[in-house]
Amino acid sequence: MKQHKSSAPQFAICVHNAECPASLELHKIYRVLPDDDAASDGDLRIIDESGEDYLYPADYFLLVDLPSDTERALRDSFLLAQHAGRGARERFEKALAKVADAAPEEYDRL
């Protein structure tokens, strides 16, 4: 029987990161994305430090059941950070394109 999306934990605390310290920080809260196939293999789909989702062993994390207002605040915060990151990336790529097309004497004006 499949769990409803709302009953699945959406956050987890990292308790083990020895194999991937650049991707996961100990004691940090991470978003968990629903993935029944991953769960059946003993994994969790986590949005890690790269901002992308990857599979990690479930025993690297403690799933947390948070009060609804805390969960909503964290979810909103993650979404804002994700959108801000996209905007920064787009601005960086536009600036990089300008530099690539500019002559060296124009760099100071960019």
PDB file of N, CA and C in Angstrom:
ATOM      1  N   MET A   1       0.841  -1.184   0.000  1.00  0.00           N
ATOM      2  CA  MET A   1       0.000   0.000   0.000  1.00  0.00           C
ATOM      3  C   MET A   1       0.884   1.246   0.000  1.00  0.00           C
ATOM      4  N   LYS A   2       0.670   2.152  -0.906  1.00  0.00           N
ATOM      5  CA  LYS A   2       1.458   3.374  -1.002  1.00  0.00           C
ATOM      6  C   LYS A   2       1.031   4.370   0.062  1.00  0.00           C
ATOM      7  N   GLN A   3       2.040   5.076   0.610  1.00  0.00           N
ATOM      8  CA  GLN A   3       1.718   6.137   1.560  1.00  0.00           C
ATOM      9  C   GLN A   3       1.330   7.378   0.782  1.00  0.00           C
ATOM     10  N   HIS A   4       0.447   8.158   1.376  1.00  0.00           N
ATOM     11  CA  HIS A   4       0.112   9.435   0.780  1.00  0.00           C
ATOM     12  C   HIS A   4       1.294  10.367   0.944  1.00  0.00           C
ATOM     13  N   LYS A   5       1.458  11.254   0.010  1.00  0.00           N
ATOM     14  CA  LYS A   5       2.575  12.187   0.035  1.00  0.00           C
ATOM     15  C   LYS A   5       2.620  12.977   1.341  1.00  0.00           C
ATOM     16  N   SER A   6       1.484  13.368   1.853  1.00  0.00           N
ATOM     17  CA  SER A   6       1.459  14.185   3.064  1.00  0.00           C
ATOM     18  C   SER A   6       1.911  13.413   4.298  1.00  0.00           C
ATOM     19  N   SER A   7       1.803  12.060   4.309  1.00  0.00           N
ATOM     20  CA  SER A   7       2.207  11.292   5.468  1.00  0.00           C
ATOM     21  C   SER A   7       3.694  10.930   5.424  1.00  0.00           C
ATOM     22  N   ALA A   8       4.342  11.105   4.291  1.00  0.00           N
ATOM     23  CA  ALA A   8       5.761  10.791   4.179  1.00  0.00           C
ATOM     24  C   ALA A   8       6.595  11.891   4.824  1.00  0.00           C
ATOM     25  N   PRO A   9       7.640  11.521   5.580  1.00  0.00           N
ATOM     26  CA  PRO A   9       8.500  12.554   6.165  1.00  0.00           C
ATOM     27  C   PRO A   9       9.135  13.392   5.054  1.00  0.00           C
ATOM     28  N   GLN A  10       9.230  14.675   5.287  1.00  0.00           N
ATOM     29  CA  GLN A  10       9.784  15.553   4.269  1.00  0.00           C
ATOM     30  C   GLN A  10      11.136  16.115   4.666  1.00  0.00           C
ATOM     31  N   PHE A  11      11.588  15.818   5.881  1.00  0.00           N
ATOM     32  CA  PHE A  11      12.864  16.340   6.359  1.00  0.00           C
ATOM     33  C   PHE A  11      13.606  15.248   7.120  1.00  0.00           C
ATOM     34  N   ALA A  12      14.944  15.340   7.052  1.00  0.00           N
ATOM     35  CA  ALA A  12      15.776  14.377   7.754  1.00  0.00           C
ATOM     36  C   ALA A  12      17.046  15.073   8.231  1.00  0.00           C
ATOM     37  N   ILE A  13      17.597  14.592   9.336  1.00  0.00           N
ATOM     38  CA  ILE A  13      18.834  15.121   9.878  1.00  0.00           C
ATOM     39  C   ILE A  13      19.956  14.153   9.532  1.00  0.00           C
ATOM     40  N   CYS A  14      21.045  14.679   8.983  1.00  0.00           N
ATOM     41  CA  CYS A  14      22.199  13.857   8.621  1.00  0.00           C
ATOM     42  C   CYS A  14      22.945  13.435   9.889  1.00  0.00           C
ATOM     43  N   VAL A  15      23.162  12.123  10.039  1.00  0.00           N
ATOM     44  CA  VAL A  15      23.891  11.603  11.196  1.00  0.00           C
ATOM     45  C   VAL A  15      25.145  10.824  10.784  1.00  0.00           C
ATOM     46  N   HIS A  16      25.395  10.727   9.470  1.00  0.00           N
ATOM     47  CA  HIS A  16      26.574  10.018   8.968  1.00  0.00           C
ATOM     48  C   HIS A  16      26.938  10.598   7.604  1.00  0.00           C
ATOM     49  N   ASN A  17      28.197  10.996   7.446  1.00  0.00           N
ATOM     50  CA  ASN A  17      28.609  11.548   6.153  1.00  0.00           C
ATOM     51  C   ASN A  17      30.043  11.181   5.778  1.00  0.00           C
ATOM     52  N   ALA A  18      30.590  10.143   6.404  1.00  0.00           N
ATOM     53  CA  ALA A  18      31.997   9.799   6.209  1.00  0.00           C
ATOM     54  C   ALA A  18      32.359   9.572   4.737  1.00  0.00           C
ATOM     55  N   GLU A  19      31.466   9.023   3.955  1.00  0.00           N
ATOM     56  CA  GLU A  19      31.761   8.745   2.555  1.00  0.00           C
ATOM     57  C   GLU A  19      31.494   9.943   1.639  1.00  0.00           C
ATOM     58  N   CYS A  20      30.846  10.977   2.133  1.00  0.00           N
ATOM     59  CA  CYS A  20      30.492  12.107   1.271  1.00  0.00           C
ATOM     60  C   CYS A  20      30.432  13.416   2.055  1.00  0.00           C
ATOM     61  N   PRO A  21      31.530  13.825   2.709  1.00  0.00           N
ATOM     62  CA  PRO A  21      31.493  15.032   3.539  1.00  0.00           C
ATOM     63  C   PRO A  21      31.267  16.326   2.766  1.00  0.00           C
ATOM     64  N   ALA A  22      31.599  16.359   1.479  1.00  0.00           N
ATOM     65  CA  ALA A  22      31.360  17.571   0.688  1.00  0.00           C
ATOM     66  C   ALA A  22      29.888  17.713   0.310  1.00  0.00           C
ATOM     67  N   SER A  23      29.171  16.604   0.295  1.00  0.00           N
ATOM     68  CA  SER A  23      27.772  16.617  -0.127  1.00  0.00           C
ATOM     69  C   SER A  23      26.783  16.711   1.020  1.00  0.00           C
ATOM     70  N   LEU A  24      27.205  16.235   2.195  1.00  0.00           N
ATOM     71  CA  LEU A  24      26.319  16.200   3.360  1.00  0.00           C
ATOM     72  C   LEU A  24      27.045  16.743   4.573  1.00  0.00           C
ATOM     73  N   GLU A  25      26.365  17.591   5.347  1.00  0.00           N
ATOM     74  CA  GLU A  25      26.911  18.115   6.594  1.00  0.00           C
ATOM     75  C   GLU A  25      26.232  17.418   7.766  1.00  0.00           C
ATOM     76  N   LEU A  26      27.052  16.969   8.705  1.00  0.00           N
ATOM     77  CA  LEU A  26      26.491  16.333   9.898  1.00  0.00           C
ATOM     78  C   LEU A  26      25.554  17.274  10.639  1.00  0.00           C
ATOM     79  N   HIS A  27      24.486  16.721  11.135  1.00  0.00           N
ATOM     80  CA  HIS A  27      23.504  17.404  11.991  1.00  0.00           C
ATOM     81  C   HIS A  27      22.701  18.472  11.261  1.00  0.00           C
ATOM     82  N   LYS A  28      22.779  18.514   9.966  1.00  0.00           N
ATOM     83  CA  LYS A  28      22.008  19.479   9.181  1.00  0.00           C
ATOM     84  C   LYS A  28      20.688  18.846   8.745  1.00  0.00           C
ATOM     85  N   ILE A  29      19.663  19.685   8.637  1.00  0.00           N
ATOM     86  CA  ILE A  29      18.350  19.223   8.160  1.00  0.00           C
ATOM     87  C   ILE A  29      18.339  19.298   6.634  1.00  0.00           C
ATOM     88  N   TYR A  30      17.914  18.203   6.008  1.00  0.00           N
ATOM     89  CA  TYR A  30      17.805  18.132   4.550  1.00  0.00           C
ATOM     90  C   TYR A  30      16.376  17.820   4.140  1.00  0.00           C
ATOM     91  N   ARG A  31      16.005  18.317   2.968  1.00  0.00           N
ATOM     92  CA  ARG A  31      14.703  17.964   2.390  1.00  0.00           C
ATOM     93  C   ARG A  31      14.769  16.565   1.834  1.00  0.00           C
ATOM     94  N   VAL A  32      13.705  15.820   2.054  1.00  0.00           N
ATOM     95  CA  VAL A  32      13.561  14.471   1.519  1.00  0.00           C
ATOM     96  C   VAL A  32      12.471  14.511   0.461  1.00  0.00           C
ATOM     97  N   LEU A  33      12.778  14.032  -0.731  1.00  0.00           N
ATOM     98  CA  LEU A  33      11.772  13.957  -1.790  1.00  0.00           C
ATOM     99  C   LEU A  33      11.181  12.555  -1.819  1.00  0.00           C
ATOM    100  N   PRO A  34       9.874  12.445  -1.985  1.00  0.00           N
ATOM    101  CA  PRO A  34       9.245  11.119  -2.035  1.00  0.00           C
ATOM    102  C   PRO A  34       9.795  10.298  -3.207  1.00  0.00           C
ATOM    103  N   ASP A  35      10.198   9.058  -2.929  1.00  0.00           N
ATOM    104  CA  ASP A  35      10.693   8.151  -3.968  1.00  0.00           C
ATOM    105  C   ASP A  35      10.516   6.728  -3.457  1.00  0.00           C
ATOM    106  N   ASP A  36       9.410   6.103  -3.841  1.00  0.00           N
ATOM    107  CA  ASP A  36       9.093   4.761  -3.363  1.00  0.00           C
ATOM    108  C   ASP A  36      10.132   3.732  -3.796  1.00  0.00           C
ATOM    109  N   ASP A  37      10.652   3.870  -5.025  1.00  0.00           N
ATOM    110  CA  ASP A  37      11.665   2.924  -5.508  1.00  0.00           C
ATOM    111  C   ASP A  37      12.938   3.016  -4.674  1.00  0.00           C
ATOM    112  N   ALA A  38      13.354   4.224  -4.377  1.00  0.00           N
ATOM    113  CA  ALA A  38      14.546   4.421  -3.548  1.00  0.00           C
ATOM    114  C   ALA A  38      14.323   3.833  -2.156  1.00  0.00           C
ATOM    115  N   ALA A  39      13.164   4.102  -1.579  1.00  0.00           N
ATOM    116  CA  ALA A  39      12.852   3.598  -0.241  1.00  0.00           C
ATOM    117  C   ALA A  39      12.876   2.072  -0.209  1.00  0.00           C
ATOM    118  N   SER A  40      12.383   1.439  -1.277  1.00  0.00           N
ATOM    119  CA  SER A  40      12.376  -0.027  -1.302  1.00  0.00           C
ATOM    120  C   SER A  40      13.790  -0.594  -1.378  1.00  0.00           C
ATOM    121  N   ASP A  41      14.758   0.213  -1.833  1.00  0.00           N
ATOM    122  CA  ASP A  41      16.163  -0.204  -1.877  1.00  0.00           C
ATOM    123  C   ASP A  41      16.938   0.249  -0.638  1.00  0.00           C
ATOM    124  N   GLY A  42      16.243   0.881   0.321  1.00  0.00           N
ATOM    125  CA  GLY A  42      16.898   1.335   1.539  1.00  0.00           C
ATOM    126  C   GLY A  42      17.574   2.692   1.411  1.00  0.00           C
ATOM    127  N   ASP A  43      17.143   3.479   0.423  1.00  0.00           N
ATOM    128  CA  ASP A  43      17.729   4.796   0.188  1.00  0.00           C
ATOM    129  C   ASP A  43      16.705   5.900   0.396  1.00  0.00           C
ATOM    130  N   LEU A  44      17.208   7.125   0.514  1.00  0.00           N
ATOM    131  CA  LEU A  44      16.371   8.319   0.544  1.00  0.00           C
ATOM    132  C   LEU A  44      16.836   9.255  -0.564  1.00  0.00           C
ATOM    133  N   ARG A  45      15.908   9.939  -1.176  1.00  0.00           N
ATOM    134  CA  ARG A  45      16.245  10.965  -2.168  1.00  0.00           C
ATOM    135  C   ARG A  45      16.327  12.291  -1.417  1.00  0.00           C
ATOM    136  N   ILE A  46      17.556  12.812  -1.328  1.00  0.00           N
ATOM    137  CA  ILE A  46      17.873  13.982  -0.519  1.00  0.00           C
ATOM    138  C   ILE A  46      18.346  15.126  -1.403  1.00  0.00           C
ATOM    139  N   ILE A  47      17.913  16.332  -1.118  1.00  0.00           N
ATOM    140  CA  ILE A  47      18.493  17.508  -1.766  1.00  0.00           C
ATOM    141  C   ILE A  47      19.718  17.875  -0.937  1.00  0.00           C
ATOM    142  N   ASP A  48      20.902  17.630  -1.518  1.00  0.00           N
ATOM    143  CA  ASP A  48      22.136  17.801  -0.756  1.00  0.00           C
ATOM    144  C   ASP A  48      22.746  19.187  -0.934  1.00  0.00           C
ATOM    145  N   GLU A  49      24.009  19.339  -0.553  1.00  0.00           N
ATOM    146  CA  GLU A  49      24.677  20.641  -0.591  1.00  0.00           C
ATOM    147  C   GLU A  49      24.812  21.212  -1.999  1.00  0.00           C
ATOM    148  N   SER A  50      24.729  20.364  -3.017  1.00  0.00           N
ATOM    149  CA  SER A  50      24.814  20.847  -4.404  1.00  0.00           C
ATOM    150  C   SER A  50      23.518  21.516  -4.839  1.00  0.00           C
ATOM    151  N   GLY A  51      22.449  21.297  -4.073  1.00  0.00           N
ATOM    152  CA  GLY A  51      21.142  21.818  -4.447  1.00  0.00           C
ATOM    153  C   GLY A  51      20.372  20.876  -5.351  1.00  0.00           C
ATOM    154  N   GLU A  52      20.976  19.753  -5.675  1.00  0.00           N
ATOM    155  CA  GLU A  52      20.340  18.729  -6.512  1.00  0.00           C
ATOM    156  C   GLU A  52      19.926  17.558  -5.631  1.00  0.00           C
ATOM    157  N   ASP A  53      19.037  16.713  -6.158  1.00  0.00           N
ATOM    158  CA  ASP A  53      18.621  15.553  -5.378  1.00  0.00           C
ATOM    159  C   ASP A  53      19.405  14.318  -5.807  1.00  0.00           C
ATOM    160  N   TYR A  54      19.858  13.575  -4.801  1.00  0.00           N
ATOM    161  CA  TYR A  54      20.615  12.344  -5.004  1.00  0.00           C
ATOM    162  C   TYR A  54      20.145  11.301  -4.011  1.00  0.00           C
ATOM    163  N   LEU A  55      20.435  10.048  -4.324  1.00  0.00           N
ATOM    164  CA  LEU A  55      20.093   8.954  -3.421  1.00  0.00           C
ATOM    165  C   LEU A  55      21.230   8.729  -2.436  1.00  0.00           C
ATOM    166  N   TYR A  56      20.853   8.577  -1.172  1.00  0.00           N
ATOM    167  CA  TYR A  56      21.797   8.262  -0.105  1.00  0.00           C
ATOM    168  C   TYR A  56      21.196   7.150   0.734  1.00  0.00           C
ATOM    169  N   PRO A  57      22.056   6.339   1.371  1.00  0.00           N
ATOM    170  CA  PRO A  57      21.524   5.296   2.270  1.00  0.00           C
ATOM    171  C   PRO A  57      20.668   5.929   3.372  1.00  0.00           C
ATOM    172  N   ALA A  58      19.544   5.320   3.626  1.00  0.00           N
ATOM    173  CA  ALA A  58      18.617   5.852   4.629  1.00  0.00           C
ATOM    174  C   ALA A  58      19.254   5.909   6.012  1.00  0.00           C
ATOM    175  N   ASP A  59      20.221   5.025   6.291  1.00  0.00           N
ATOM    176  CA  ASP A  59      20.818   5.042   7.628  1.00  0.00           C
ATOM    177  C   ASP A  59      21.793   6.197   7.841  1.00  0.00           C
ATOM    178  N   TYR A  60      21.992   7.045   6.834  1.00  0.00           N
ATOM    179  CA  TYR A  60      22.761   8.282   6.993  1.00  0.00           C
ATOM    180  C   TYR A  60      21.923   9.370   7.655  1.00  0.00           C
ATOM    181  N   PHE A  61      20.621   9.124   7.827  1.00  0.00           N
ATOM    182  CA  PHE A  61      19.690  10.164   8.266  1.00  0.00           C
ATOM    183  C   PHE A  61      18.731   9.662   9.336  1.00  0.00           C
ATOM    184  N   LEU A  62      18.236  10.603  10.111  1.00  0.00           N
ATOM    185  CA  LEU A  62      17.106  10.374  11.001  1.00  0.00           C
ATOM    186  C   LEU A  62      15.936  11.161  10.427  1.00  0.00           C
ATOM    187  N   LEU A  63      14.877  10.471  10.072  1.00  0.00           N
ATOM    188  CA  LEU A  63      13.686  11.157   9.581  1.00  0.00           C
ATOM    189  C   LEU A  63      13.029  11.876  10.746  1.00  0.00           C
ATOM    190  N   VAL A  64      12.586  13.090  10.502  1.00  0.00           N
ATOM    191  CA  VAL A  64      11.980  13.871  11.578  1.00  0.00           C
ATOM    192  C   VAL A  64      10.545  14.232  11.219  1.00  0.00           C
ATOM    193  N   ASP A  65       9.705  14.138  12.213  1.00  0.00           N
ATOM    194  CA  ASP A  65       8.308  14.528  12.083  1.00  0.00           C
ATOM    195  C   ASP A  65       8.177  15.870  12.795  1.00  0.00           C
ATOM    196  N   LEU A  66       8.016  16.925  12.028  1.00  0.00           N
ATOM    197  CA  LEU A  66       7.995  18.279  12.570  1.00  0.00           C
ATOM    198  C   LEU A  66       6.576  18.801  12.708  1.00  0.00           C
ATOM    199  N   PRO A  67       6.358  19.738  13.610  1.00  0.00           N
ATOM    200  CA  PRO A  67       5.055  20.398  13.673  1.00  0.00           C
ATOM    201  C   PRO A  67       4.762  21.041  12.309  1.00  0.00           C
ATOM    202  N   SER A  68       3.503  21.107  11.952  1.00  0.00           N
ATOM    203  CA  SER A  68       3.132  21.582  10.611  1.00  0.00           C
ATOM    204  C   SER A  68       3.617  23.001  10.329  1.00  0.00           C
ATOM    205  N   ASP A  69       3.582  23.888  11.313  1.00  0.00           N
ATOM    206  CA  ASP A  69       4.043  25.253  11.059  1.00  0.00           C
ATOM    207  C   ASP A  69       5.559  25.304  10.841  1.00  0.00           C
ATOM    208  N   THR A  70       6.310  24.463  11.558  1.00  0.00           N
ATOM    209  CA  THR A  70       7.761  24.388  11.368  1.00  0.00           C
ATOM    210  C   THR A  70       8.079  23.797  10.002  1.00  0.00           C
ATOM    211  N   GLU A  71       7.373  22.743   9.650  1.00  0.00           N
ATOM    212  CA  GLU A  71       7.573  22.106   8.351  1.00  0.00           C
ATOM    213  C   GLU A  71       7.276  23.082   7.213  1.00  0.00           C
ATOM    214  N   ARG A  72       6.195  23.824   7.339  1.00  0.00           N
ATOM    215  CA  ARG A  72       5.829  24.803   6.313  1.00  0.00           C
ATOM    216  C   ARG A  72       6.892  25.902   6.202  1.00  0.00           C
ATOM    217  N   ALA A  73       7.391  26.395   7.333  1.00  0.00           N
ATOM    218  CA  ALA A  73       8.427  27.438   7.314  1.00  0.00           C
ATOM    219  C   ALA A  73       9.708  26.917   6.664  1.00  0.00           C
ATOM    220  N   LEU A  74      10.109  25.683   6.990  1.00  0.00           N
ATOM    221  CA  LEU A  74      11.302  25.111   6.371  1.00  0.00           C
ATOM    222  C   LEU A  74      11.106  24.897   4.878  1.00  0.00           C
ATOM    223  N   ARG A  75       9.949  24.372   4.494  1.00  0.00           N
ATOM    224  CA  ARG A  75       9.666  24.127   3.075  1.00  0.00           C
ATOM    225  C   ARG A  75       9.704  25.444   2.297  1.00  0.00           C
ATOM    226  N   ASP A  76       9.096  26.495   2.846  1.00  0.00           N
ATOM    227  CA  ASP A  76       9.110  27.801   2.187  1.00  0.00           C
ATOM    228  C   ASP A  76      10.530  28.348   2.084  1.00  0.00           C
ATOM    229  N   SER A  77      11.313  28.168   3.137  1.00  0.00           N
ATOM    230  CA  SER A  77      12.692  28.641   3.146  1.00  0.00           C
ATOM    231  C   SER A  77      13.530  27.926   2.088  1.00  0.00           C
ATOM    232  N   PHE A  78      13.362  26.607   1.979  1.00  0.00           N
ATOM    233  CA  PHE A  78      14.095  25.855   0.961  1.00  0.00           C
ATOM    234  C   PHE A  78      13.704  26.310  -0.443  1.00  0.00           C
ATOM    235  N   LEU A  79      12.416  26.551  -0.656  1.00  0.00           N
ATOM    236  CA  LEU A  79      11.963  27.001  -1.974  1.00  0.00           C
ATOM    237  C   LEU A  79      12.519  28.369  -2.325  1.00  0.00           C
ATOM    238  N   LEU A  80      12.520  29.284  -1.367  1.00  0.00           N
ATOM    239  CA  LEU A  80      13.090  30.614  -1.605  1.00  0.00           C
ATOM    240  C   LEU A  80      14.571  30.523  -1.942  1.00  0.00           C
ATOM    241  N   ALA A  81      15.297  29.700  -1.199  1.00  0.00           N
ATOM    242  CA  ALA A  81      16.727  29.535  -1.455  1.00  0.00           C
ATOM    243  C   ALA A  81      16.962  28.931  -2.828  1.00  0.00           C
ATOM    244  N   GLN A  82      16.126  27.985  -3.212  1.00  0.00           N
ATOM    245  CA  GLN A  82      16.264  27.351  -4.516  1.00  0.00           C
ATOM    246  C   GLN A  82      16.030  28.369  -5.631  1.00  0.00           C
ATOM    247  N   HIS A  83      15.007  29.192  -5.499  1.00  0.00           N
ATOM    248  CA  HIS A  83      14.721  30.206  -6.517  1.00  0.00           C
ATOM    249  C   HIS A  83      15.797  31.286  -6.540  1.00  0.00           C
ATOM    250  N   ALA A  84      16.290  31.671  -5.394  1.00  0.00           N
ATOM    251  CA  ALA A  84      17.362  32.676  -5.331  1.00  0.00           C
ATOM    252  C   ALA A  84      18.610  32.133  -6.007  1.00  0.00           C
ATOM    253  N   GLY A  85      18.900  30.862  -5.788  1.00  0.00           N
ATOM    254  CA  GLY A  85      20.054  30.234  -6.425  1.00  0.00           C
ATOM    255  C   GLY A  85      19.927  30.229  -7.929  1.00  0.00           C
ATOM    256  N   ARG A  86      18.738  29.963  -8.414  1.00  0.00           N
ATOM    257  CA  ARG A  86      18.527  29.980  -9.869  1.00  0.00           C
ATOM    258  C   ARG A  86      18.750  31.368 -10.427  1.00  0.00           C
ATOM    259  N   GLY A  87      18.261  32.378  -9.748  1.00  0.00           N
ATOM    260  CA  GLY A  87      18.431  33.752 -10.207  1.00  0.00           C
ATOM    261  C   GLY A  87      19.891  34.143 -10.228  1.00  0.00           C
ATOM    262  N   ALA A  88      20.626  33.757  -9.191  1.00  0.00           N
ATOM    263  CA  ALA A  88      22.055  34.079  -9.129  1.00  0.00           C
ATOM    264  C   ALA A  88      22.797  33.374 -10.258  1.00  0.00           C
ATOM    265  N   ARG A  89      22.440  32.143 -10.527  1.00  0.00           N
ATOM    266  CA  ARG A  89      23.084  31.387 -11.594  1.00  0.00           C
ATOM    267  C   ARG A  89      22.817  32.045 -12.945  1.00  0.00           C
ATOM    268  N   GLU A  90      21.570  32.464 -13.164  1.00  0.00           N
ATOM    269  CA  GLU A  90      21.226  33.115 -14.436  1.00  0.00           C
ATOM    270  C   GLU A  90      21.970  34.438 -14.591  1.00  0.00           C
ATOM    271  N   ARG A  91      22.050  35.227 -13.516  1.00  0.00           N
ATOM    272  CA  ARG A  91      22.785  36.490 -13.582  1.00  0.00           C
ATOM    273  C   ARG A  91      24.262  36.253 -13.858  1.00  0.00           C
ATOM    274  N   PHE A  92      24.833  35.225 -13.233  1.00  0.00           N
ATOM    275  CA  PHE A  92      26.236  34.893 -13.455  1.00  0.00           C
ATOM    276  C   PHE A  92      26.461  34.494 -14.914  1.00  0.00           C
ATOM    277  N   GLU A  93      25.579  33.662 -15.452  1.00  0.00           N
ATOM    278  CA  GLU A  93      25.736  33.219 -16.837  1.00  0.00           C
ATOM    279  C   GLU A  93      25.604  34.389 -17.813  1.00  0.00           C
ATOM    280  N   LYS A  94      24.703  35.325 -17.545  1.00  0.00           N
ATOM    281  CA  LYS A  94      24.574  36.511 -18.404  1.00  0.00           C
ATOM    282  C   LYS A  94      25.838  37.360 -18.342  1.00  0.00           C
ATOM    283  N   ALA A  95      26.363  37.565 -17.138  1.00  0.00           N
ATOM    284  CA  ALA A  95      27.592  38.353 -16.991  1.00  0.00           C
ATOM    285  C   ALA A  95      28.751  37.659 -17.678  1.00  0.00           C
ATOM    286  N   LEU A  96      28.833  36.358 -17.556  1.00  0.00           N
ATOM    287  CA  LEU A  96      29.896  35.595 -18.198  1.00  0.00           C
ATOM    288  C   LEU A  96      29.802  35.707 -19.714  1.00  0.00           C
ATOM    289  N   ALA A  97      28.590  35.683 -20.244  1.00  0.00           N
ATOM    290  CA  ALA A  97      28.412  35.827 -21.689  1.00  0.00           C
ATOM    291  C   ALA A  97      28.868  37.199 -22.158  1.00  0.00           C
ATOM    292  N   LYS A  98      28.599  38.223 -21.371  1.00  0.00           N
ATOM    293  CA  LYS A  98      29.047  39.575 -21.740  1.00  0.00           C
ATOM    294  C   LYS A  98      30.569  39.647 -21.774  1.00  0.00           C
ATOM    295  N   VAL A  99      31.213  39.048 -20.792  1.00  0.00           N
ATOM    296  CA  VAL A  99      32.671  39.063 -20.730  1.00  0.00           C
ATOM    297  C   VAL A  99      33.249  38.301 -21.914  1.00  0.00           C
ATOM    298  N   ALA A 100      32.645  37.180 -22.249  1.00  0.00           N
ATOM    299  CA  ALA A 100      33.154  36.369 -23.355  1.00  0.00           C
ATOM    300  C   ALA A 100      33.107  37.132 -24.681  1.00  0.00           C
ATOM    301  N   ASP A 101      32.110  37.996 -24.831  1.00  0.00           N
ATOM    302  CA  ASP A 101      31.963  38.754 -26.074  1.00  0.00           C
ATOM    303  C   ASP A 101      32.688  40.097 -26.039  1.00  0.00           C
ATOM    304  N   ALA A 102      33.194  40.493 -24.891  1.00  0.00           N
ATOM    305  CA  ALA A 102      33.800  41.814 -24.743  1.00  0.00           C
ATOM    306  C   ALA A 102      35.305  41.766 -24.990  1.00  0.00           C
ATOM    307  N   ALA A 103      35.814  42.874 -25.462  1.00  0.00           N
ATOM    308  CA  ALA A 103      37.260  43.031 -25.590  1.00  0.00           C
ATOM    309  C   ALA A 103      37.824  43.342 -24.214  1.00  0.00           C
ATOM    310  N   PRO A 104      39.078  42.951 -23.934  1.00  0.00           N
ATOM    311  CA  PRO A 104      39.654  43.160 -22.591  1.00  0.00           C
ATOM    312  C   PRO A 104      39.545  44.600 -22.092  1.00  0.00           C
ATOM    313  N   GLU A 105      39.654  45.583 -22.982  1.00  0.00           N
ATOM    314  CA  GLU A 105      39.560  46.968 -22.533  1.00  0.00           C
ATOM    315  C   GLU A 105      38.160  47.350 -22.074  1.00  0.00           C
ATOM    316  N   GLU A 106      37.146  46.525 -22.336  1.00  0.00           N
ATOM    317  CA  GLU A 106      35.779  46.792 -21.920  1.00  0.00           C
ATOM    318  C   GLU A 106      35.419  46.145 -20.577  1.00  0.00           C
ATOM    319  N   TYR A 107      36.286  45.324 -20.017  1.00  0.00           N
ATOM    320  CA  TYR A 107      35.968  44.573 -18.805  1.00  0.00           C
ATOM    321  C   TYR A 107      35.535  45.458 -17.644  1.00  0.00           C
ATOM    322  N   ASP A 108      36.174  46.604 -17.476  1.00  0.00           N
ATOM    323  CA  ASP A 108      35.850  47.476 -16.354  1.00  0.00           C
ATOM    324  C   ASP A 108      34.430  48.030 -16.430  1.00  0.00           C
ATOM    325  N   ARG A 109      33.877  48.119 -17.617  1.00  0.00           N
ATOM    326  CA  ARG A 109      32.527  48.672 -17.774  1.00  0.00           C
ATOM    327  C   ARG A 109      31.448  47.623 -17.533  1.00  0.00           C
ATOM    328  N   LEU A 110      31.803  46.377 -17.479  1.00  0.00           N
ATOM    329  CA  LEU A 110      30.789  45.310 -17.347  1.00  0.00           C
ATOM    330  C   LEU A 110      30.323  45.123 -15.954  1.00  0.00           C
TER     331      LEU A 110
END
